[in-house]
Protein backbone atom coordinates (compact mmCIF):
# COMPACT_ATOMS: atom_id res chain seq x y z
CA UNK A 1 104.03 133.79 159.90
CA UNK A 2 102.32 130.72 158.36
CA UNK A 3 104.29 128.54 155.91
CA UNK A 4 101.19 128.20 153.70
CA UNK A 5 101.05 131.98 153.42
CA UNK A 6 104.66 132.02 152.24
CA UNK A 7 104.04 129.17 149.82
CA UNK A 8 101.06 130.98 148.33
CA UNK A 9 103.19 134.11 147.88
CA UNK A 10 105.81 132.10 146.05
CA UNK A 11 103.21 131.04 143.52
CA UNK A 12 103.75 134.50 142.00
CA UNK A 13 107.30 133.56 141.06
CA UNK A 14 107.47 132.12 137.54
CA UNK A 15 110.28 129.88 136.40
CA UNK A 16 112.27 131.95 133.85
CA UNK A 17 110.85 131.38 130.38
CA UNK A 18 107.72 129.56 131.62
CA UNK A 19 104.20 130.56 132.53
CA UNK A 20 104.16 128.18 135.51
CA UNK A 21 105.29 129.04 139.03
CA UNK A 22 108.05 127.45 141.07
CA UNK A 23 105.63 125.91 143.56
CA UNK A 24 103.66 123.96 140.95
CA UNK A 25 106.99 122.91 139.40
CA UNK A 26 107.92 121.35 142.77
CA UNK A 27 111.05 123.42 143.14
CA UNK A 28 110.25 124.78 146.63
CA UNK A 29 111.61 122.06 148.93
CA UNK A 30 111.50 123.68 152.42
CA UNK A 31 109.87 126.64 154.14
CA UNK A 32 110.70 127.49 157.73
CA UNK A 33 109.07 130.38 159.62
CA UNK A 34 110.70 131.30 162.92
CA UNK A 35 110.51 134.37 165.09
CA UNK A 36 112.01 137.19 163.07
CA UNK A 37 113.18 134.96 160.19
CA UNK A 38 111.75 133.17 157.14
CA UNK A 39 113.89 130.62 155.30
CA UNK A 40 113.11 129.15 151.91
CA UNK A 41 115.02 126.37 150.15
CA UNK A 42 114.70 125.90 146.38
CA UNK A 43 116.32 123.24 144.17
CA UNK A 44 116.83 123.68 140.44
CA UNK A 45 118.56 121.68 137.76
CA UNK A 46 120.14 124.00 135.21
CA UNK A 47 123.37 124.91 133.47
CA UNK A 48 122.23 128.55 133.05
CA UNK A 49 123.62 130.75 135.88
CA UNK A 50 120.98 133.40 135.15
CA UNK A 51 118.14 131.09 136.28
CA UNK A 52 119.06 130.87 140.01
CA UNK A 53 119.95 134.59 140.02
CA UNK A 54 116.54 135.48 138.59
CA UNK A 55 114.74 133.21 141.02
CA UNK A 56 116.64 134.67 143.99
CA UNK A 57 115.60 138.22 143.00
CA UNK A 58 112.02 137.28 142.27
CA UNK A 59 111.57 135.37 145.53
CA UNK A 60 112.86 138.32 147.55
CA UNK A 61 110.62 140.67 145.58
CA UNK A 62 107.43 138.80 146.62
CA UNK A 63 108.50 137.88 150.20
CA UNK A 64 110.32 140.95 151.51
CA UNK A 65 107.19 143.04 151.57
CA UNK A 66 105.02 140.53 153.42
CA UNK A 67 103.98 141.35 157.02
CA UNK A 68 105.66 139.49 159.87
CA UNK A 69 108.22 137.64 157.66
CA UNK A 70 111.20 139.14 159.45
CA UNK A 71 114.51 138.57 157.69
CA UNK A 72 114.00 136.57 154.49
CA UNK A 73 116.71 134.05 153.54
CA UNK A 74 116.39 132.34 150.16
CA UNK A 75 118.71 129.40 149.55
CA UNK A 76 118.87 128.05 146.00
CA UNK A 77 120.65 124.76 145.49
CA UNK A 78 121.71 124.27 141.88
CA UNK A 79 122.07 120.68 140.72
CA UNK A 80 123.86 119.95 137.47
CA UNK A 81 121.88 118.58 134.57
CA UNK A 82 122.63 114.87 133.94
CA UNK A 83 124.97 114.23 131.03
CA UNK A 84 122.27 112.30 129.16
CA UNK A 85 119.96 115.28 129.33
CA UNK A 86 122.64 117.64 128.14
CA UNK A 87 123.33 115.43 125.13
CA UNK A 88 119.69 115.20 124.12
CA UNK A 89 119.99 118.19 121.83
CA UNK A 90 122.74 116.64 119.74
CA UNK A 91 123.55 117.43 116.14
CA UNK A 92 120.97 116.17 113.61
CA UNK A 93 117.95 116.95 115.80
CA UNK A 94 115.86 120.05 115.55
CA UNK A 95 113.07 121.66 117.52
CA UNK A 96 109.40 121.73 116.44
CA UNK A 97 108.16 125.19 115.44
CA UNK A 98 105.99 126.73 118.13
CA UNK A 99 106.93 124.19 120.83
CA UNK A 100 109.17 124.82 123.84
CA UNK A 101 109.41 121.28 125.21
CA UNK A 102 108.71 117.83 123.75
CA UNK A 103 107.89 114.91 126.03
CA UNK A 104 107.61 111.39 124.58
CA UNK A 105 105.33 108.82 126.24
CA UNK A 106 106.39 105.34 125.21
CA UNK A 107 106.05 101.66 126.06
CA UNK A 108 107.85 98.54 125.01
CA UNK A 109 104.59 96.72 124.23
CA UNK A 110 100.95 97.48 123.57
CA UNK A 111 98.11 97.15 126.03
CA UNK A 112 99.77 98.78 129.04
CA UNK A 113 97.72 101.98 128.95
CA UNK A 114 100.28 104.28 127.30
CA UNK A 115 97.66 106.42 125.55
CA UNK A 116 95.65 106.75 128.74
CA UNK A 117 98.79 108.00 130.50
CA UNK A 118 99.65 110.38 127.63
CA UNK A 119 96.14 111.82 127.52
CA UNK A 120 95.90 112.40 131.26
CA UNK A 121 99.45 113.74 131.46
CA UNK A 122 98.58 116.36 128.82
CA UNK A 123 95.41 117.28 130.69
CA UNK A 124 97.19 117.57 134.01
CA UNK A 125 99.90 119.81 132.56
CA UNK A 126 97.26 122.03 131.01
CA UNK A 127 95.22 122.23 134.23
CA UNK A 128 98.35 123.63 135.90
CA UNK A 129 98.29 126.55 133.45
CA UNK A 130 100.55 125.38 130.64
CA UNK A 131 99.76 125.50 126.93
CA UNK A 132 99.80 121.86 125.88
CA UNK A 133 99.51 119.86 122.67
CA UNK A 134 99.15 116.09 122.21
CA UNK A 135 100.27 114.36 119.07
CA UNK A 136 99.04 110.78 118.50
CA UNK A 137 101.95 109.16 116.71
CA UNK A 138 100.33 105.74 116.75
CA UNK A 139 99.09 105.78 113.17
CA UNK A 140 97.86 102.19 113.10
CA UNK A 141 95.96 102.31 116.40
CA UNK A 142 95.02 105.93 117.04
CA UNK A 143 92.94 106.43 120.18
CA UNK A 144 93.41 110.06 121.23
CA UNK A 145 90.43 111.33 119.18
CA UNK A 146 88.13 108.94 121.04
CA UNK A 147 89.66 109.64 124.45
CA UNK A 148 89.02 113.38 123.99
CA UNK A 149 85.50 112.84 122.63
CA UNK A 150 86.01 114.60 119.29
CA UNK A 151 85.27 113.53 115.72
CA UNK A 152 86.05 116.87 114.11
CA UNK A 153 88.06 117.07 110.93
CA UNK A 154 91.14 119.37 110.98
CA UNK A 155 91.39 122.29 108.54
CA UNK A 156 94.41 124.14 107.12
CA UNK A 157 95.45 127.76 107.56
CA UNK A 158 96.76 130.18 104.94
CA UNK A 159 100.29 128.80 105.45
CA UNK A 160 99.07 125.34 104.49
CA UNK A 161 99.58 124.14 108.09
CA UNK A 162 97.17 121.75 109.73
CA UNK A 163 95.10 123.44 112.43
CA UNK A 164 94.96 121.06 115.40
CA UNK A 165 91.67 120.10 117.02
CA UNK A 166 91.13 121.64 120.44
CA UNK A 167 89.41 119.67 123.22
CA UNK A 168 89.51 120.36 126.96
CA UNK A 169 92.08 123.07 126.22
CA UNK A 170 94.53 120.64 124.59
CA UNK A 171 95.65 121.00 120.95
CA UNK A 172 95.34 117.57 119.37
CA UNK A 173 96.53 115.84 116.22
CA UNK A 174 95.77 112.22 115.44
CA UNK A 175 95.14 110.00 112.45
CA UNK A 176 91.82 109.34 114.19
CA UNK A 177 90.67 112.82 113.09
CA UNK A 178 91.38 112.00 109.43
CA UNK A 179 89.70 108.59 109.12
CA UNK A 180 86.30 107.09 109.66
CA UNK A 181 86.13 105.01 112.87
CA UNK A 182 86.20 101.65 111.01
CA UNK A 183 88.81 102.61 108.43
CA UNK A 184 92.17 100.88 108.86
CA UNK A 185 95.47 102.66 108.20
CA UNK A 186 97.25 100.71 105.42
CA UNK A 187 100.61 102.36 104.78
CA UNK A 188 104.13 101.02 104.60
CA UNK A 189 106.94 102.12 106.89
CA UNK A 190 108.36 105.06 104.83
CA UNK A 191 104.88 106.56 104.33
CA UNK A 192 104.10 106.11 108.01
CA UNK A 193 107.20 108.06 109.06
CA UNK A 194 106.28 110.77 106.50
CA UNK A 195 102.81 111.13 108.05
CA UNK A 196 104.39 111.34 111.53
CA UNK A 197 106.83 114.08 110.45
CA UNK A 198 103.93 116.01 108.91
CA UNK A 199 101.95 115.74 112.19
CA UNK A 200 104.94 117.13 114.08
CA UNK A 201 106.25 119.87 111.76
CA UNK A 202 103.30 120.90 109.58
CA UNK A 203 100.77 121.48 112.37
CA UNK A 204 100.17 125.02 113.71
CA UNK A 205 100.97 124.11 117.31
CA UNK A 206 100.87 127.83 118.22
CA UNK A 207 103.32 128.55 121.00
CA UNK A 208 103.09 125.46 123.28
CA UNK A 209 104.85 124.99 126.59
CA UNK A 210 104.67 121.19 126.07
CA UNK A 211 104.00 118.88 123.21
CA UNK A 212 103.28 115.36 124.48
CA UNK A 213 103.98 112.59 121.92
CA UNK A 214 101.93 109.41 122.28
CA UNK A 215 104.34 107.03 120.55
CA UNK A 216 103.37 103.66 119.11
CA UNK A 217 104.27 100.64 121.27
CA UNK A 218 107.64 99.02 120.63
CA UNK A 219 110.83 100.30 119.03
CA UNK A 220 110.03 100.48 115.35
CA UNK A 221 110.61 102.90 112.46
CA UNK A 222 108.26 105.63 113.71
CA UNK A 223 109.79 105.79 117.16
CA UNK A 224 113.35 105.85 115.85
CA UNK A 225 112.53 108.49 113.25
CA UNK A 226 111.04 110.78 115.85
CA UNK A 227 113.80 110.48 118.46
CA UNK A 228 116.56 110.74 115.86
CA UNK A 229 115.18 113.85 114.14
CA UNK A 230 113.23 115.74 116.88
CA UNK A 231 114.85 117.30 119.96
CA UNK A 232 113.00 115.42 122.68
CA UNK A 233 113.43 116.75 126.24
CA UNK A 234 112.74 113.41 127.85
CA UNK A 235 110.78 110.17 127.71
CA UNK A 236 108.22 108.68 130.07
CA UNK A 237 108.08 104.85 129.96
CA UNK A 238 104.73 103.20 130.76
CA UNK A 239 104.65 99.63 131.99
CA UNK A 240 102.59 97.25 134.02
CA UNK A 241 104.05 95.35 137.00
CA UNK A 242 104.48 91.92 135.45
CA UNK A 243 107.82 90.79 134.08
CA UNK A 244 106.66 90.28 130.49
CA UNK A 245 105.88 94.02 130.29
CA UNK A 246 109.04 95.06 132.09
CA UNK A 247 111.18 93.11 129.60
CA UNK A 248 109.80 95.20 126.77
CA UNK A 249 110.04 98.40 128.84
CA UNK A 250 113.78 97.81 129.13
CA UNK A 251 114.01 97.67 125.35
CA UNK A 252 112.29 101.07 125.09
CA UNK A 253 114.69 102.50 127.66
CA UNK A 254 117.65 101.11 125.71
CA UNK A 255 116.36 102.69 122.50
CA UNK A 256 116.17 106.15 124.04
CA UNK A 257 119.63 105.65 125.56
CA UNK A 258 121.12 104.98 122.12
CA UNK A 259 119.85 108.35 120.82
CA UNK A 260 120.69 110.30 124.02
CA UNK A 261 117.09 111.02 125.07
CA UNK A 262 116.93 111.15 128.90
CA UNK A 263 114.40 109.02 130.70
CA UNK A 264 112.25 111.19 132.97
CA UNK A 265 110.89 108.16 134.75
CA UNK A 266 108.57 105.12 134.75
CA UNK A 267 104.81 105.06 135.28
CA UNK A 268 103.47 101.74 136.58
CA UNK A 269 99.93 101.35 135.21
CA UNK A 270 97.39 98.75 136.39
CA UNK A 271 99.34 98.57 139.65
CA UNK A 272 96.43 97.10 141.63
CA UNK A 273 92.67 96.79 141.80
CA UNK A 274 90.86 97.97 144.91
CA UNK A 275 87.60 96.15 145.61
CA UNK A 276 84.56 97.67 147.31
CA UNK A 277 85.77 96.43 150.70
CA UNK A 278 88.95 98.47 150.28
CA UNK A 279 91.28 95.52 149.80
CA UNK A 280 93.91 95.87 147.10
CA UNK A 281 94.63 93.01 144.73
CA UNK A 282 97.91 93.12 142.75
CA UNK A 283 96.47 91.40 139.70
CA UNK A 284 99.58 91.80 137.55
CA UNK A 285 102.12 91.40 140.33
CA UNK A 286 103.42 93.80 142.92
CA UNK A 287 106.35 96.21 142.96
CA UNK A 288 107.63 95.44 139.47
CA UNK A 289 107.72 99.11 138.39
CA UNK A 290 109.48 100.23 141.57
CA UNK A 291 112.17 97.54 141.26
CA UNK A 292 112.68 98.29 137.58
CA UNK A 293 113.00 102.04 138.17
CA UNK A 294 115.56 101.39 140.91
CA UNK A 295 117.53 99.05 138.64
CA UNK A 296 117.52 101.62 135.81
CA UNK A 297 118.36 104.48 138.13
CA UNK A 298 115.30 106.57 137.13
CA UNK A 299 112.34 107.83 139.19
CA UNK A 300 109.14 105.87 139.58
CA UNK A 301 106.84 108.77 138.72
CA UNK A 302 103.69 107.10 139.96
CA UNK A 303 101.47 104.07 140.20
CA UNK A 304 98.05 104.06 138.53
CA UNK A 305 95.49 101.47 139.69
CA UNK A 306 92.95 99.64 137.59
CA UNK A 307 89.98 101.98 138.00
CA UNK A 308 86.48 101.76 136.55
CA UNK A 309 85.98 105.55 136.56
CA UNK A 310 89.24 106.05 134.64
CA UNK A 311 88.03 103.62 131.97
CA UNK A 312 84.52 105.14 131.84
CA UNK A 313 85.86 108.69 131.50
CA UNK A 314 88.30 107.62 128.79
CA UNK A 315 85.52 106.02 126.82
CA UNK A 316 83.29 109.07 127.19
CA UNK A 317 85.97 111.55 126.07
CA UNK A 318 86.53 113.09 129.50
CA UNK A 319 90.01 112.05 130.76
CA UNK A 320 90.09 111.37 134.50
CA UNK A 321 92.69 114.10 135.09
CA UNK A 322 89.88 116.61 134.47
CA UNK A 323 88.34 115.47 137.77
CA UNK A 324 89.18 117.33 140.95
CA UNK A 325 92.44 115.83 142.33
CA UNK A 326 91.20 116.51 145.85
CA UNK A 327 88.31 114.07 145.37
CA UNK A 328 89.64 111.54 142.88
CA UNK A 329 92.87 109.66 143.73
CA UNK A 330 93.65 108.66 140.15
CA UNK A 331 93.36 112.26 138.98
CA UNK A 332 95.61 113.24 141.88
CA UNK A 333 98.14 110.60 140.83
CA UNK A 334 98.28 111.95 137.25
CA UNK A 335 98.68 115.52 138.51
CA UNK A 336 101.54 114.40 140.74
CA UNK A 337 103.23 112.71 137.77
CA UNK A 338 102.75 115.84 135.68
CA UNK A 339 104.33 118.02 138.39
CA UNK A 340 107.42 115.80 138.53
CA UNK A 341 107.79 115.80 134.75
CA UNK A 342 107.40 119.59 134.54
CA UNK A 343 110.02 120.03 137.25
CA UNK A 344 112.46 117.69 135.48
CA UNK A 345 111.99 119.38 132.09
CA UNK A 346 112.32 122.86 133.67
CA UNK A 347 115.72 121.89 134.98
CA UNK A 348 117.20 121.30 131.58
């Protein structure tokens, strides 16, 4: 019996309550095929005892009938959810109608590629079969409309909800859809937070698995309003390797800690530039994201290089994660990041 054959069979097993399978979630850790025996090891993070029981039954249901598997042994290791994650749904926060999970993408400062990461994370999650929305919460510097190549204007339904723009299978909401390209957003703090709440709660998101929030840089009114009033499953912090960016990334991590939002991990953007000869140049320093993640005790989800194709595709409205991960390493990196985030959120 071939392990790849077993792995493909396990793609039929959905994580309870999700449309995605346990293989794409990264929950299948080991597969061993010996003479007369097939052993599978699965790891989940959950406080719900019904989840491992359901997975155990479903795995046996798809494996027991396969030819040449012999005796099937399914081992499910249950890891407890971290305390910070358990506290994320504290009193005063509420869910967004039509949304199962909310993921915030944040940075301590501007210019680190946060919107690029948010856009490609949303695409990668959707390419794995999830229903995904992306809300551009950066009212003053909205870029999601441009990155997805759309200049449509949103309409309203009969419930007076905003109908999001759909591009590349992602449901989108951004101030960029409401304004002309050269029009600045001139609103004070209270009005800005009101617009943000309207984008979150008065949009017909329509049964999403994930809503990705592209937060403004920093730790201002909009960020605090969102994380204090919306039940956010976790935050992804985007940084570049140099110390000046890491200093501000720590501030973002501290903000989420104060409101009990778990940090899913760090993404180190602009990690290096690879020249035509194949030599890598660490333009903004080397290893800063890895050291910072280790210091904070959170995963380094991935490193994204400075890449001309990524920039070109972002400018043309075709995020690089749409490219085949087998042929484009940056697309593969974003898909790997998305798989880790999906697995972490599934374990809540």
